[in-house]
Amino acid sequence: MDGSKIINIILGMFKYTSCIVDIVLTICVWFPGMLYALYIVLKDD
């Protein structure tokens, strides 16, 4: 699978800014990134 396809799938799953924030948090420190991802998935729109 092409790398650009993976990025498109990830960006399609989240809002753009939420995805970028989550990626940065996950790269810097794993646990806060996972907590933020759970918050985005579980919050009510």
C-alpha atoms as a PDB file:
ATOM      1  CA  MET A   1       0.000   0.000   0.000  1.00  0.00           C
ATOM      2  CA  ASP A   2       1.273   3.421  -0.949  1.00  0.00           C
ATOM      3  CA  GLY A   3       2.203   5.812   1.877  1.00  0.00           C
ATOM      4  CA  SER A   4      -0.006   8.587   0.527  1.00  0.00           C
ATOM      5  CA  LYS A   5      -3.029   6.261   0.618  1.00  0.00           C
ATOM      6  CA  ILE A   6      -2.410   5.531   4.285  1.00  0.00           C
ATOM      7  CA  ILE A   7      -2.211   9.244   5.069  1.00  0.00           C
ATOM      8  CA  ASN A   8      -5.463   9.874   3.170  1.00  0.00           C
ATOM      9  CA  ILE A   9      -7.219   7.156   5.152  1.00  0.00           C
ATOM     10  CA  ILE A  10      -5.999   8.596   8.444  1.00  0.00           C
ATOM     11  CA  LEU A  11      -7.035  12.139   7.492  1.00  0.00           C
ATOM     12  CA  GLY A  12     -10.441  10.877   6.401  1.00  0.00           C
ATOM     13  CA  MET A  13     -11.023   9.291   9.799  1.00  0.00           C
ATOM     14  CA  PHE A  14     -10.496  12.471  11.813  1.00  0.00           C
ATOM     15  CA  LYS A  15     -10.953  16.131  11.315  1.00  0.00           C
ATOM     16  CA  TYR A  16      -7.710  17.499   9.909  1.00  0.00           C
ATOM     17  CA  THR A  17      -6.560  19.449  12.989  1.00  0.00           C
ATOM     18  CA  SER A  18      -7.565  16.698  15.403  1.00  0.00           C
ATOM     19  CA  CYS A  19      -5.559  14.193  13.403  1.00  0.00           C
ATOM     20  CA  ILE A  20      -2.441  16.386  13.342  1.00  0.00           C
ATOM     21  CA  VAL A  21      -2.668  17.027  17.096  1.00  0.00           C
ATOM     22  CA  ASP A  22      -3.092  13.316  17.770  1.00  0.00           C
ATOM     23  CA  ILE A  23      -0.144  12.353  15.564  1.00  0.00           C
ATOM     24  CA  VAL A  24       2.124  14.904  17.269  1.00  0.00           C
ATOM     25  CA  LEU A  25       1.049  13.771  20.747  1.00  0.00           C
ATOM     26  CA  THR A  26       1.542  10.130  19.852  1.00  0.00           C
ATOM     27  CA  ILE A  27       5.001  10.741  18.402  1.00  0.00           C
ATOM     28  CA  CYS A  28       6.146  12.864  21.366  1.00  0.00           C
ATOM     29  CA  VAL A  29       4.617  10.850  24.179  1.00  0.00           C
ATOM     30  CA  TRP A  30       2.557   7.740  23.458  1.00  0.00           C
ATOM     31  CA  PHE A  31       0.044   7.800  26.332  1.00  0.00           C
ATOM     32  CA  PRO A  32      -1.389  11.352  25.878  1.00  0.00           C
ATOM     33  CA  GLY A  33      -1.779  10.662  22.174  1.00  0.00           C
ATOM     34  CA  MET A  34      -3.830   7.556  22.881  1.00  0.00           C
ATOM     35  CA  LEU A  35      -5.983   9.409  25.420  1.00  0.00           C
ATOM     36  CA  TYR A  36      -6.652  12.191  22.921  1.00  0.00           C
ATOM     37  CA  ALA A  37      -7.552   9.665  20.212  1.00  0.00           C
ATOM     38  CA  LEU A  38     -10.037   7.989  22.551  1.00  0.00           C
ATOM     39  CA  TYR A  39     -11.515  11.384  23.400  1.00  0.00           C
ATOM     40  CA  ILE A  40     -12.020  12.221  19.722  1.00  0.00           C
ATOM     41  CA  VAL A  41     -13.602   8.832  18.980  1.00  0.00           C
ATOM     42  CA  LEU A  42     -15.894   8.754  22.012  1.00  0.00           C
ATOM     43  CA  LYS A  43     -17.060  12.395  22.160  1.00  0.00           C
ATOM     44  CA  ASP A  44     -20.553  13.292  21.040  1.00  0.00           C
ATOM     45  CA  ASP A  45     -20.749  15.545  17.992  1.00  0.00           C
END
